[in-house]
């Protein structure tokens, strides 16, 4: 799960080791951010995004996708 939640300028994820693609979608389903990482604890900057509800999708190297919601205040 992303933390802090709700947050303002960023959120952090706890991931298992390996490559991941993190995609952030706004409440309308529009992709607003995509980031690739191998960090097990990536920090995702959200300074440029407006306040609202976001869906976070994390895809691993095998194609499995995990999802969560995050609120920007």
C-alpha atoms as a PDB file:
ATOM      1  CA  UNK A   1       0.000   0.000   0.000  1.00  0.00           C
ATOM      2  CA  UNK A   2       1.202   3.526  -0.720  1.00  0.00           C
ATOM      3  CA  UNK A   3       2.133   5.624   2.299  1.00  0.00           C
ATOM      4  CA  UNK A   4       1.507   8.206   3.547  1.00  0.00           C
ATOM      5  CA  UNK A   5      -2.103   7.888   2.495  1.00  0.00           C
ATOM      6  CA  UNK A   6      -3.506  10.479   2.170  1.00  0.00           C
ATOM      7  CA  UNK A   7      -0.426  12.393   1.125  1.00  0.00           C
ATOM      8  CA  UNK A   8       0.657  15.565  -0.633  1.00  0.00           C
ATOM      9  CA  UNK A   9       3.983  15.677  -2.509  1.00  0.00           C
ATOM     10  CA  UNK A  10       4.918  11.988  -2.703  1.00  0.00           C
ATOM     11  CA  UNK A  11       4.165   8.444  -1.619  1.00  0.00           C
ATOM     12  CA  UNK A  12       6.368   5.437  -0.961  1.00  0.00           C
ATOM     13  CA  UNK A  13       5.785   1.780  -1.849  1.00  0.00           C
ATOM     14  CA  UNK A  14       7.211  -1.354  -0.229  1.00  0.00           C
ATOM     15  CA  UNK A  15       7.978  -3.809  -3.045  1.00  0.00           C
ATOM     16  CA  UNK A  16       9.805  -7.100  -3.224  1.00  0.00           C
ATOM     17  CA  UNK A  17      13.158  -7.037  -5.058  1.00  0.00           C
ATOM     18  CA  UNK A  18      13.186  -6.894  -8.852  1.00  0.00           C
ATOM     19  CA  UNK A  19      12.081  -4.627 -11.666  1.00  0.00           C
ATOM     20  CA  UNK A  20       8.647  -2.999 -11.474  1.00  0.00           C
ATOM     21  CA  UNK A  21       6.619  -0.577 -13.544  1.00  0.00           C
ATOM     22  CA  UNK A  22       4.531   1.796 -11.440  1.00  0.00           C
ATOM     23  CA  UNK A  23       1.604   3.478 -13.183  1.00  0.00           C
ATOM     24  CA  UNK A  24      -0.642   6.109 -11.642  1.00  0.00           C
ATOM     25  CA  UNK A  25      -4.157   6.775 -12.984  1.00  0.00           C
ATOM     26  CA  UNK A  26      -6.442   9.659 -12.041  1.00  0.00           C
ATOM     27  CA  UNK A  27     -10.102   9.216 -11.074  1.00  0.00           C
ATOM     28  CA  UNK A  28     -11.155   9.295 -14.755  1.00  0.00           C
ATOM     29  CA  UNK A  29      -8.789   6.434 -15.638  1.00  0.00           C
ATOM     30  CA  UNK A  30      -6.251   8.630 -17.428  1.00  0.00           C
ATOM     31  CA  UNK A  31      -2.615   7.632 -16.955  1.00  0.00           C
ATOM     32  CA  UNK A  32      -0.825  10.546 -15.283  1.00  0.00           C
ATOM     33  CA  UNK A  33       2.526   9.004 -14.349  1.00  0.00           C
ATOM     34  CA  UNK A  34       4.602   5.947 -15.209  1.00  0.00           C
ATOM     35  CA  UNK A  35       7.910   5.027 -13.617  1.00  0.00           C
ATOM     36  CA  UNK A  36      10.177   1.979 -13.857  1.00  0.00           C
ATOM     37  CA  UNK A  37      12.220   0.994 -10.833  1.00  0.00           C
ATOM     38  CA  UNK A  38      14.284  -1.782  -9.304  1.00  0.00           C
ATOM     39  CA  UNK A  39      14.189  -0.090  -5.897  1.00  0.00           C
ATOM     40  CA  UNK A  40      12.384  -2.103  -3.208  1.00  0.00           C
ATOM     41  CA  UNK A  41      11.173   1.150  -1.617  1.00  0.00           C
ATOM     42  CA  UNK A  42      10.582   3.703  -4.389  1.00  0.00           C
ATOM     43  CA  UNK A  43       9.416   7.233  -3.627  1.00  0.00           C
ATOM     44  CA  UNK A  44       6.940   8.507  -6.214  1.00  0.00           C
ATOM     45  CA  UNK A  45       6.875  12.285  -6.626  1.00  0.00           C
ATOM     46  CA  UNK A  46       3.401  13.745  -7.068  1.00  0.00           C
ATOM     47  CA  UNK A  47       4.077  17.487  -6.743  1.00  0.00           C
ATOM     48  CA  UNK A  48       2.713  18.245 -10.230  1.00  0.00           C
ATOM     49  CA  UNK A  49      -0.573  16.374  -9.733  1.00  0.00           C
ATOM     50  CA  UNK A  50      -3.820  17.987  -8.543  1.00  0.00           C
ATOM     51  CA  UNK A  51      -5.557  16.848  -5.369  1.00  0.00           C
ATOM     52  CA  UNK A  52      -7.798  13.829  -5.834  1.00  0.00           C
ATOM     53  CA  UNK A  53      -8.133  10.062  -5.840  1.00  0.00           C
ATOM     54  CA  UNK A  54      -5.571   7.990  -7.764  1.00  0.00           C
ATOM     55  CA  UNK A  55      -5.209   4.315  -8.635  1.00  0.00           C
ATOM     56  CA  UNK A  56      -1.706   2.870  -8.363  1.00  0.00           C
ATOM     57  CA  UNK A  57      -0.850  -0.191 -10.488  1.00  0.00           C
ATOM     58  CA  UNK A  58       2.447  -2.034  -9.979  1.00  0.00           C
ATOM     59  CA  UNK A  59       3.507  -4.585 -12.619  1.00  0.00           C
ATOM     60  CA  UNK A  60       6.394  -6.943 -11.898  1.00  0.00           C
ATOM     61  CA  UNK A  61       8.775  -8.624 -14.366  1.00  0.00           C
ATOM     62  CA  UNK A  62       6.463 -11.658 -14.663  1.00  0.00           C
ATOM     63  CA  UNK A  63       3.503  -9.463 -15.616  1.00  0.00           C
ATOM     64  CA  UNK A  64       1.596  -9.742 -12.334  1.00  0.00           C
ATOM     65  CA  UNK A  65      -0.228  -6.527 -11.410  1.00  0.00           C
ATOM     66  CA  UNK A  66      -1.042  -5.264  -7.931  1.00  0.00           C
ATOM     67  CA  UNK A  67      -3.281  -2.284  -7.363  1.00  0.00           C
ATOM     68  CA  UNK A  68      -4.045   0.210  -4.618  1.00  0.00           C
ATOM     69  CA  UNK A  69      -5.710   3.577  -4.170  1.00  0.00           C
ATOM     70  CA  UNK A  70      -3.979   6.752  -3.018  1.00  0.00           C
ATOM     71  CA  UNK A  71      -5.444  10.137  -2.100  1.00  0.00           C
ATOM     72  CA  UNK A  72      -3.604  13.409  -2.685  1.00  0.00           C
ATOM     73  CA  UNK A  73      -4.742  16.197  -0.398  1.00  0.00           C
END
